[in-house]
Each structure stands twice: as structure tokens, then as C-alpha cells.
N, C-alpha and C. Protein backbone atom coordinates (compact mmCIF):
# COMPACT_ATOMS: atom_id res chain seq x y z
N MET A 1 88.77 127.48 79.40
CA MET A 1 88.92 128.85 78.94
C MET A 1 90.23 129.03 78.16
N LYS A 2 91.32 128.41 78.68
CA LYS A 2 92.60 128.51 77.99
C LYS A 2 92.51 127.86 76.62
N PHE A 3 91.77 126.75 76.53
CA PHE A 3 91.64 126.05 75.26
C PHE A 3 90.92 126.92 74.23
N LYS A 4 89.84 127.61 74.64
CA LYS A 4 89.11 128.49 73.73
C LYS A 4 90.01 129.62 73.23
N GLY A 5 90.79 130.17 74.13
CA GLY A 5 91.72 131.23 73.75
C GLY A 5 92.75 130.73 72.76
N PHE A 6 93.25 129.52 72.98
CA PHE A 6 94.21 128.91 72.05
C PHE A 6 93.57 128.71 70.68
N MET A 7 92.34 128.23 70.65
CA MET A 7 91.65 127.98 69.38
C MET A 7 91.42 129.28 68.60
N VAL A 8 91.05 130.33 69.30
CA VAL A 8 90.84 131.62 68.64
C VAL A 8 92.15 132.10 68.02
N ILE A 9 93.23 131.99 68.75
CA ILE A 9 94.54 132.41 68.23
C ILE A 9 94.94 131.53 67.04
N ALA A 10 94.71 130.23 67.13
CA ALA A 10 95.06 129.31 66.04
C ALA A 10 94.28 129.66 64.77
N VAL A 11 92.99 129.91 64.91
CA VAL A 11 92.16 130.27 63.75
C VAL A 11 92.63 131.60 63.15
N LEU A 12 92.93 132.56 63.96
CA LEU A 12 93.41 133.86 63.46
C LEU A 12 94.74 133.70 62.72
N LEU A 13 95.62 132.87 63.25
CA LEU A 13 96.90 132.64 62.57
C LEU A 13 96.71 131.98 61.21
N ILE A 14 95.80 131.01 61.14
CA ILE A 14 95.52 130.35 59.88
C ILE A 14 94.96 131.36 58.87
N LEU A 15 94.02 132.18 59.30
CA LEU A 15 93.42 133.17 58.40
C LEU A 15 94.43 134.24 57.98
N ALA A 16 95.37 134.55 58.84
CA ALA A 16 96.36 135.58 58.53
C ALA A 16 97.53 135.04 57.73
N TRP A 17 97.65 133.72 57.60
CA TRP A 17 98.76 133.12 56.87
C TRP A 17 98.77 133.68 55.46
N PRO A 18 99.93 134.06 54.93
CA PRO A 18 99.99 134.71 53.62
C PRO A 18 99.24 133.93 52.55
N GLY A 19 98.28 134.64 51.95
CA GLY A 19 97.57 134.08 50.81
C GLY A 19 96.46 133.11 51.14
N SER A 20 96.23 132.80 52.40
CA SER A 20 95.18 131.82 52.69
C SER A 20 93.84 132.35 52.22
N GLY A 21 93.06 131.46 51.64
CA GLY A 21 91.74 131.85 51.18
C GLY A 21 91.74 132.52 49.82
N PHE A 22 92.85 132.62 49.16
CA PHE A 22 92.91 133.26 47.86
C PHE A 22 93.28 132.24 46.80
N ALA A 23 92.89 132.52 45.55
CA ALA A 23 93.17 131.61 44.44
C ALA A 23 94.66 131.46 44.23
N ALA A 24 95.10 130.23 44.17
CA ALA A 24 96.52 129.99 43.97
C ALA A 24 96.79 128.99 42.87
N SER A 25 95.94 128.00 42.75
CA SER A 25 96.25 126.87 41.90
C SER A 25 95.15 126.61 40.89
N VAL A 26 95.51 125.82 39.89
CA VAL A 26 94.52 125.38 38.92
C VAL A 26 93.43 124.64 39.68
N GLY A 27 92.19 124.98 39.37
CA GLY A 27 91.04 124.38 40.05
C GLY A 27 90.43 125.28 41.11
N ASP A 28 91.17 126.29 41.56
CA ASP A 28 90.64 127.23 42.56
C ASP A 28 89.65 128.21 41.90
N THR A 29 88.77 128.74 42.72
CA THR A 29 87.85 129.78 42.27
C THR A 29 88.51 131.14 42.44
N SER A 30 88.28 132.00 41.49
CA SER A 30 88.87 133.35 41.54
C SER A 30 88.33 134.14 42.73
N PRO A 31 89.21 134.88 43.40
CA PRO A 31 88.70 135.81 44.41
C PRO A 31 88.06 137.01 43.71
N GLU A 32 87.24 137.74 44.43
CA GLU A 32 86.67 138.96 43.87
C GLU A 32 87.75 140.01 43.78
N PHE A 33 87.64 140.87 42.77
CA PHE A 33 88.61 141.95 42.64
C PHE A 33 88.01 143.11 41.85
N VAL A 34 88.62 144.26 42.04
CA VAL A 34 88.33 145.45 41.25
C VAL A 34 89.67 146.05 40.88
N LEU A 35 89.88 146.25 39.59
CA LEU A 35 91.11 146.86 39.08
C LEU A 35 90.75 148.09 38.28
N LYS A 36 91.63 149.09 38.28
CA LYS A 36 91.42 150.29 37.49
C LYS A 36 92.61 150.52 36.57
N SER A 37 92.29 150.88 35.34
CA SER A 37 93.34 151.24 34.39
C SER A 37 93.71 152.70 34.61
N LEU A 38 94.76 153.13 33.93
CA LEU A 38 95.20 154.52 34.09
C LEU A 38 94.15 155.52 33.62
N ASP A 39 93.32 155.11 32.65
CA ASP A 39 92.28 156.02 32.17
C ASP A 39 91.01 155.96 33.01
N GLY A 40 91.05 155.16 34.09
CA GLY A 40 89.91 155.09 35.01
C GLY A 40 88.93 153.97 34.73
N THR A 41 89.15 153.21 33.66
CA THR A 41 88.27 152.08 33.37
C THR A 41 88.37 151.08 34.52
N GLU A 42 87.21 150.64 34.97
CA GLU A 42 87.17 149.71 36.10
C GLU A 42 86.88 148.30 35.59
N TYR A 43 87.66 147.35 36.07
CA TYR A 43 87.48 145.94 35.75
C TYR A 43 87.10 145.22 37.03
N ARG A 44 85.87 144.72 37.06
CA ARG A 44 85.33 144.06 38.25
C ARG A 44 85.13 142.59 37.95
N SER A 45 85.58 141.75 38.86
CA SER A 45 85.41 140.31 38.66
C SER A 45 83.94 139.95 38.49
N ASP A 46 83.05 140.60 39.24
CA ASP A 46 81.63 140.24 39.15
C ASP A 46 80.99 140.67 37.83
N ALA A 47 81.67 141.54 37.08
CA ALA A 47 81.16 141.94 35.76
C ALA A 47 81.75 141.08 34.64
N ILE A 48 82.78 140.30 34.95
CA ILE A 48 83.46 139.47 33.94
C ILE A 48 83.11 138.00 34.13
N ILE A 49 83.26 137.51 35.35
CA ILE A 49 83.03 136.09 35.64
C ILE A 49 81.55 135.77 35.40
N GLY A 50 81.33 134.68 34.70
CA GLY A 50 79.98 134.28 34.32
C GLY A 50 79.62 134.75 32.93
N LYS A 51 80.44 135.65 32.39
CA LYS A 51 80.16 136.19 31.05
C LYS A 51 81.22 135.80 30.02
N LYS A 52 82.48 135.73 30.46
CA LYS A 52 83.56 135.41 29.52
C LYS A 52 84.80 134.95 30.27
N PRO A 53 85.70 134.25 29.56
CA PRO A 53 86.97 133.85 30.18
C PRO A 53 87.87 135.08 30.40
N LEU A 54 88.81 134.93 31.30
CA LEU A 54 89.68 136.04 31.69
C LEU A 54 91.12 135.59 31.78
N MET A 55 92.01 136.36 31.20
CA MET A 55 93.45 136.14 31.35
C MET A 55 94.02 137.32 32.12
N LEU A 56 94.61 137.02 33.27
CA LEU A 56 95.31 138.04 34.06
C LEU A 56 96.80 137.79 33.91
N VAL A 57 97.53 138.84 33.57
CA VAL A 57 98.98 138.72 33.43
C VAL A 57 99.60 139.69 34.44
N PHE A 58 100.21 139.14 35.47
CA PHE A 58 100.85 139.94 36.50
C PHE A 58 102.28 140.23 36.04
N TRP A 59 102.65 141.52 36.04
CA TRP A 59 103.92 141.93 35.44
C TRP A 59 104.47 143.16 36.16
N ALA A 60 105.67 143.56 35.76
CA ALA A 60 106.32 144.77 36.29
C ALA A 60 107.17 145.39 35.18
N THR A 61 107.39 146.69 35.27
CA THR A 61 108.19 147.38 34.24
C THR A 61 109.65 146.94 34.28
N TRP A 62 110.12 146.48 35.43
CA TRP A 62 111.52 146.09 35.60
C TRP A 62 111.76 144.61 35.28
N CYS A 63 110.74 143.90 34.84
CA CYS A 63 110.82 142.46 34.58
C CYS A 63 111.18 142.19 33.12
N PRO A 64 112.39 141.65 32.84
CA PRO A 64 112.78 141.40 31.45
C PRO A 64 111.92 140.34 30.77
N ASN A 65 111.48 139.33 31.50
CA ASN A 65 110.63 138.29 30.89
C ASN A 65 109.25 138.83 30.54
N CYS A 66 108.79 139.80 31.31
CA CYS A 66 107.49 140.42 31.02
C CYS A 66 107.55 141.12 29.67
N LYS A 67 108.65 141.80 29.41
CA LYS A 67 108.82 142.51 28.13
C LYS A 67 108.80 141.52 26.97
N GLU A 68 109.41 140.35 27.17
CA GLU A 68 109.44 139.34 26.11
C GLU A 68 108.06 138.79 25.77
N GLU A 69 107.14 138.84 26.70
CA GLU A 69 105.79 138.31 26.49
C GLU A 69 104.86 139.28 25.75
N ILE A 70 105.25 140.54 25.61
CA ILE A 70 104.38 141.55 25.01
C ILE A 70 103.88 141.15 23.62
N PRO A 71 104.74 140.71 22.69
CA PRO A 71 104.22 140.35 21.36
C PRO A 71 103.16 139.24 21.42
N ALA A 72 103.37 138.23 22.24
CA ALA A 72 102.40 137.14 22.37
C ALA A 72 101.09 137.65 22.96
N LEU A 73 101.17 138.55 23.93
CA LEU A 73 99.96 139.11 24.53
C LEU A 73 99.20 139.99 23.54
N LYS A 74 99.91 140.76 22.74
CA LYS A 74 99.25 141.57 21.70
C LYS A 74 98.49 140.66 20.74
N LYS A 75 99.11 139.55 20.36
CA LYS A 75 98.46 138.62 19.44
C LYS A 75 97.24 137.96 20.08
N ILE A 76 97.36 137.52 21.31
CA ILE A 76 96.23 136.92 22.02
C ILE A 76 95.09 137.92 22.13
N HIS A 77 95.42 139.15 22.47
CA HIS A 77 94.39 140.18 22.60
C HIS A 77 93.69 140.41 21.27
N ALA A 78 94.45 140.47 20.19
CA ALA A 78 93.87 140.69 18.87
C ALA A 78 93.02 139.49 18.42
N ASP A 79 93.54 138.29 18.62
CA ASP A 79 92.86 137.08 18.14
C ASP A 79 91.70 136.64 19.02
N PHE A 80 91.89 136.63 20.32
CA PHE A 80 90.88 136.08 21.22
C PHE A 80 89.98 137.13 21.84
N GLY A 81 90.39 138.39 21.81
CA GLY A 81 89.52 139.45 22.30
C GLY A 81 88.23 139.50 21.51
N LYS A 82 88.33 139.25 20.21
CA LYS A 82 87.15 139.22 19.33
C LYS A 82 86.21 138.08 19.71
N GLN A 83 86.76 137.03 20.29
CA GLN A 83 85.97 135.86 20.67
C GLN A 83 85.44 135.97 22.10
N GLY A 84 85.81 137.04 22.80
CA GLY A 84 85.27 137.28 24.14
C GLY A 84 86.26 137.19 25.28
N LEU A 85 87.50 136.80 25.01
CA LEU A 85 88.49 136.71 26.11
C LEU A 85 88.80 138.11 26.63
N GLU A 86 88.70 138.29 27.93
CA GLU A 86 89.11 139.53 28.57
C GLU A 86 90.55 139.35 29.03
N LEU A 87 91.45 140.18 28.55
CA LEU A 87 92.85 140.12 28.95
C LEU A 87 93.17 141.40 29.70
N ILE A 88 93.70 141.25 30.90
CA ILE A 88 94.11 142.41 31.69
C ILE A 88 95.52 142.17 32.20
N ALA A 89 96.42 143.07 31.87
CA ALA A 89 97.78 143.02 32.41
C ALA A 89 97.77 143.80 33.71
N VAL A 90 98.17 143.15 34.79
CA VAL A 90 98.11 143.75 36.12
C VAL A 90 99.53 144.04 36.59
N ASN A 91 99.89 145.32 36.64
CA ASN A 91 101.18 145.68 37.19
C ASN A 91 101.13 145.43 38.68
N VAL A 92 102.08 144.64 39.19
CA VAL A 92 102.04 144.19 40.58
C VAL A 92 102.26 145.31 41.60
N GLY A 93 102.71 146.46 41.15
CA GLY A 93 102.84 147.59 42.05
C GLY A 93 104.05 147.58 42.96
N MET A 94 104.91 146.59 42.83
CA MET A 94 106.11 146.52 43.68
C MET A 94 107.29 147.15 42.95
N ASN A 95 107.93 148.11 43.60
CA ASN A 95 109.05 148.85 43.00
C ASN A 95 108.67 149.42 41.65
N ASP A 96 107.45 149.89 41.54
CA ASP A 96 106.91 150.44 40.30
C ASP A 96 105.99 151.59 40.65
N SER A 97 105.55 152.30 39.64
CA SER A 97 104.61 153.40 39.85
C SER A 97 103.72 153.51 38.62
N ALA A 98 102.62 154.20 38.78
CA ALA A 98 101.71 154.42 37.66
C ALA A 98 102.41 155.22 36.56
N ALA A 99 103.27 156.16 36.94
CA ALA A 99 103.99 156.97 35.94
C ALA A 99 104.95 156.10 35.12
N LYS A 100 105.68 155.22 35.77
CA LYS A 100 106.57 154.30 35.05
C LYS A 100 105.77 153.39 34.12
N MET A 101 104.64 152.93 34.64
CA MET A 101 103.78 152.06 33.85
C MET A 101 103.28 152.76 32.60
N LYS A 102 102.88 154.01 32.74
CA LYS A 102 102.38 154.78 31.59
C LYS A 102 103.47 154.91 30.52
N ARG A 103 104.68 155.24 30.93
CA ARG A 103 105.79 155.36 29.97
C ARG A 103 106.08 154.02 29.29
N TYR A 104 106.01 152.95 30.04
CA TYR A 104 106.24 151.60 29.53
C TYR A 104 105.20 151.23 28.47
N ILE A 105 103.94 151.51 28.76
CA ILE A 105 102.84 151.23 27.83
C ILE A 105 103.06 151.97 26.52
N GLU A 106 103.45 153.23 26.62
CA GLU A 106 103.71 154.04 25.42
C GLU A 106 104.93 153.53 24.66
N LYS A 107 106.01 153.23 25.36
CA LYS A 107 107.25 152.77 24.73
C LYS A 107 107.04 151.49 23.94
N TYR A 108 106.30 150.54 24.53
CA TYR A 108 106.12 149.23 23.89
C TYR A 108 104.79 149.11 23.13
N LYS A 109 104.07 150.23 23.02
CA LYS A 109 102.82 150.28 22.26
C LYS A 109 101.86 149.15 22.65
N ILE A 110 101.64 149.06 23.94
CA ILE A 110 100.74 148.02 24.47
C ILE A 110 99.30 148.41 24.17
N THR A 111 98.58 147.47 23.57
CA THR A 111 97.22 147.73 23.10
C THR A 111 96.15 147.08 23.97
N TYR A 112 96.53 146.20 24.85
CA TYR A 112 95.56 145.50 25.70
C TYR A 112 95.41 146.27 27.03
N PRO A 113 94.33 146.03 27.76
CA PRO A 113 94.09 146.75 29.02
C PRO A 113 95.18 146.48 30.06
N VAL A 114 95.57 147.53 30.76
CA VAL A 114 96.60 147.45 31.79
C VAL A 114 96.08 148.16 33.04
N ALA A 115 96.26 147.52 34.18
CA ALA A 115 95.83 148.10 35.46
C ALA A 115 97.01 148.11 36.42
N PHE A 116 96.99 149.05 37.35
CA PHE A 116 98.03 149.17 38.37
C PHE A 116 97.46 148.68 39.69
N ASP A 117 98.12 147.69 40.29
CA ASP A 117 97.67 147.10 41.55
C ASP A 117 98.35 147.80 42.72
N LYS A 118 97.86 148.98 43.03
CA LYS A 118 98.42 149.77 44.13
C LYS A 118 98.29 148.99 45.43
N GLY A 119 99.40 148.82 46.11
CA GLY A 119 99.41 148.06 47.35
C GLY A 119 99.49 146.55 47.12
N SER A 120 99.54 146.14 45.88
CA SER A 120 99.65 144.72 45.50
C SER A 120 98.54 143.85 46.06
N GLU A 121 97.38 144.43 46.30
CA GLU A 121 96.27 143.70 46.91
C GLU A 121 95.80 142.52 46.05
N ILE A 122 95.58 142.74 44.76
CA ILE A 122 95.10 141.68 43.88
C ILE A 122 96.21 140.66 43.66
N THR A 123 97.44 141.15 43.55
CA THR A 123 98.60 140.27 43.40
C THR A 123 98.66 139.27 44.55
N LYS A 124 98.42 139.75 45.75
CA LYS A 124 98.42 138.87 46.93
C LYS A 124 97.26 137.91 46.92
N ARG A 125 96.10 138.37 46.48
CA ARG A 125 94.92 137.50 46.44
C ARG A 125 95.14 136.30 45.53
N PHE A 126 95.91 136.51 44.47
CA PHE A 126 96.19 135.42 43.54
C PHE A 126 97.50 134.71 43.86
N LYS A 127 98.09 135.02 45.00
CA LYS A 127 99.34 134.39 45.46
C LYS A 127 100.45 134.47 44.41
N VAL A 128 100.56 135.61 43.78
CA VAL A 128 101.61 135.82 42.79
C VAL A 128 102.91 136.10 43.52
N GLN A 129 103.94 135.34 43.18
CA GLN A 129 105.23 135.51 43.83
C GLN A 129 106.35 135.84 42.86
N GLY A 130 106.04 135.95 41.60
CA GLY A 130 107.05 136.30 40.61
C GLY A 130 106.37 136.84 39.37
N THR A 131 107.15 137.53 38.57
CA THR A 131 106.62 138.06 37.33
C THR A 131 107.43 137.53 36.15
N PRO A 132 106.78 137.30 35.05
CA PRO A 132 105.32 137.34 34.88
C PRO A 132 104.65 136.11 35.47
N THR A 133 103.41 136.29 35.84
CA THR A 133 102.54 135.17 36.21
C THR A 133 101.27 135.33 35.39
N VAL A 134 100.95 134.29 34.65
CA VAL A 134 99.77 134.28 33.79
C VAL A 134 98.74 133.36 34.42
N ILE A 135 97.54 133.90 34.63
CA ILE A 135 96.44 133.11 35.20
C ILE A 135 95.25 133.24 34.25
N ILE A 136 94.73 132.09 33.85
CA ILE A 136 93.57 132.09 32.97
C ILE A 136 92.41 131.46 33.71
N LEU A 137 91.29 132.19 33.74
CA LEU A 137 90.06 131.73 34.37
C LEU A 137 89.06 131.37 33.28
N ASP A 138 88.34 130.28 33.48
CA ASP A 138 87.28 129.97 32.53
C ASP A 138 86.09 130.91 32.80
N LYS A 139 85.08 130.78 31.99
CA LYS A 139 83.91 131.66 32.08
C LYS A 139 83.27 131.64 33.47
N SER A 140 83.36 130.51 34.16
CA SER A 140 82.75 130.40 35.48
C SER A 140 83.67 130.88 36.62
N GLY A 141 84.89 131.32 36.28
CA GLY A 141 85.79 131.89 37.29
C GLY A 141 86.72 130.89 37.94
N ILE A 142 86.89 129.73 37.34
CA ILE A 142 87.80 128.71 37.86
C ILE A 142 89.17 128.87 37.19
N VAL A 143 90.23 128.83 37.99
CA VAL A 143 91.58 128.92 37.45
C VAL A 143 91.85 127.65 36.63
N ARG A 144 92.15 127.82 35.35
CA ARG A 144 92.42 126.70 34.46
C ARG A 144 93.87 126.65 33.99
N TYR A 145 94.59 127.76 34.19
CA TYR A 145 96.00 127.82 33.76
C TYR A 145 96.72 128.79 34.67
N ARG A 146 97.92 128.39 35.06
CA ARG A 146 98.78 129.27 35.86
C ARG A 146 100.21 128.91 35.52
N SER A 147 100.96 129.92 35.06
CA SER A 147 102.33 129.66 34.63
C SER A 147 103.10 130.98 34.57
N ALA A 148 104.39 130.86 34.38
CA ALA A 148 105.25 132.04 34.20
C ALA A 148 105.36 132.41 32.72
N VAL A 149 104.69 131.67 31.86
CA VAL A 149 104.73 131.96 30.43
C VAL A 149 103.32 131.99 29.86
N VAL A 150 103.18 132.75 28.78
CA VAL A 150 101.92 132.80 28.05
C VAL A 150 101.74 131.47 27.33
N PRO A 151 100.56 130.86 27.38
CA PRO A 151 100.38 129.57 26.70
C PRO A 151 100.50 129.73 25.19
N ASP A 152 101.12 128.74 24.56
CA ASP A 152 101.25 128.81 23.10
C ASP A 152 100.19 127.95 22.40
N ASP A 153 99.28 127.37 23.18
CA ASP A 153 98.24 126.53 22.59
C ASP A 153 96.84 126.94 23.04
N LEU A 154 96.64 128.22 23.25
CA LEU A 154 95.36 128.72 23.74
C LEU A 154 94.22 128.35 22.80
N GLU A 155 94.48 128.35 21.50
CA GLU A 155 93.42 128.04 20.53
C GLU A 155 92.84 126.64 20.75
N LYS A 156 93.65 125.70 21.23
CA LYS A 156 93.18 124.33 21.47
C LYS A 156 92.24 124.27 22.68
N HIS A 157 92.35 125.21 23.60
CA HIS A 157 91.62 125.14 24.86
C HIS A 157 90.53 126.21 24.99
N TYR A 158 90.51 127.17 24.07
CA TYR A 158 89.63 128.32 24.25
C TYR A 158 88.15 127.93 24.33
N GLU A 159 87.74 127.00 23.50
CA GLU A 159 86.32 126.61 23.49
C GLU A 159 85.87 126.14 24.87
N ASN A 160 86.72 125.35 25.54
CA ASN A 160 86.38 124.87 26.89
C ASN A 160 86.36 126.01 27.91
N LEU A 161 87.22 126.99 27.73
CA LEU A 161 87.25 128.13 28.66
C LEU A 161 85.97 128.96 28.56
N ALA A 162 85.43 129.04 27.35
CA ALA A 162 84.28 129.90 27.10
C ALA A 162 82.93 129.24 27.44
N LYS A 163 82.95 127.94 27.78
CA LYS A 163 81.67 127.23 28.11
C LYS A 163 81.09 127.70 29.40
């Protein structure tokens, strides 16, 4: 009986370990998620995965490196959005607010979709520990890229992402 109790506790601890069971590395499958933009547009993993590749960019208004990535993200959105890439910038929700995010979007004239991760739920599912974090999923929902920088060679890999 003591052994069964120990096993139950051990399993619960493993499941409760930060980030267990969530996508973290290249080769992992994306967890399910639902994100909402400020205008109420809903982005659901089950509506994207299987249809097109996805780039998630986890960021914050207080992150100086995130600001530096904006021009590259605008270009990727303009160039690859036409080819089917879904790009969503996900504000991690830590030390931030939807109001700050709205002002930031207006100030930097951000043209790509932006969602606020209230409670950092999606951020945790993807084991994001710093900003920016860029995660690219292929059409089938497999993590193919994870880095703190936007890739500068996306055009070389896009065809494989869209298969």
C-alpha cells in the first residue's frame, strides 16, 4: 500500500514539473492552444495545424530585443503571409497588460497579428523562458525552429515547412 501511494505521488510530481508534456524543443509536437487578439480574433491551433506553417513570436513590451525584431517580422509577414505562413506575436503577459500592448502596437505600427497571453498559459506550454522566443511549426505542427532571433534564411526552408 505504501508503494502504491509513493508511485501516485511520484507520477503527480512528474506531471506537475514545470513544462512537462509541453512543446519545448525542435522535433516536439505543438500543444493545443487558443489565442485572442485585442480585436477578438481567435487563433486556434486546431484551425492552423494541418493547413499551414506557423511562426509564434513570444515577446513583451519591455523587451529591447523584441523591438529590434519588429522590422524583420514585418517583412516575414509581408513576404511569407502571402504564401500561407501564419505569424502570431504572443505577448507573454508578464509585467505587461493589454493596454500597454495596444499602445506598443500603435507606436511601432505593427501589422502582423498580436495576441495577449493572459496568465502566460501558452507561454508556459511552449516552455518559453525569455523574450523574444521564436518558434516555427511546420504544417503538421512539429517544432522545426526555436531561437531567440528571427531566422534570416526562412526562404531556404519555407517549402519544407509548408509540406
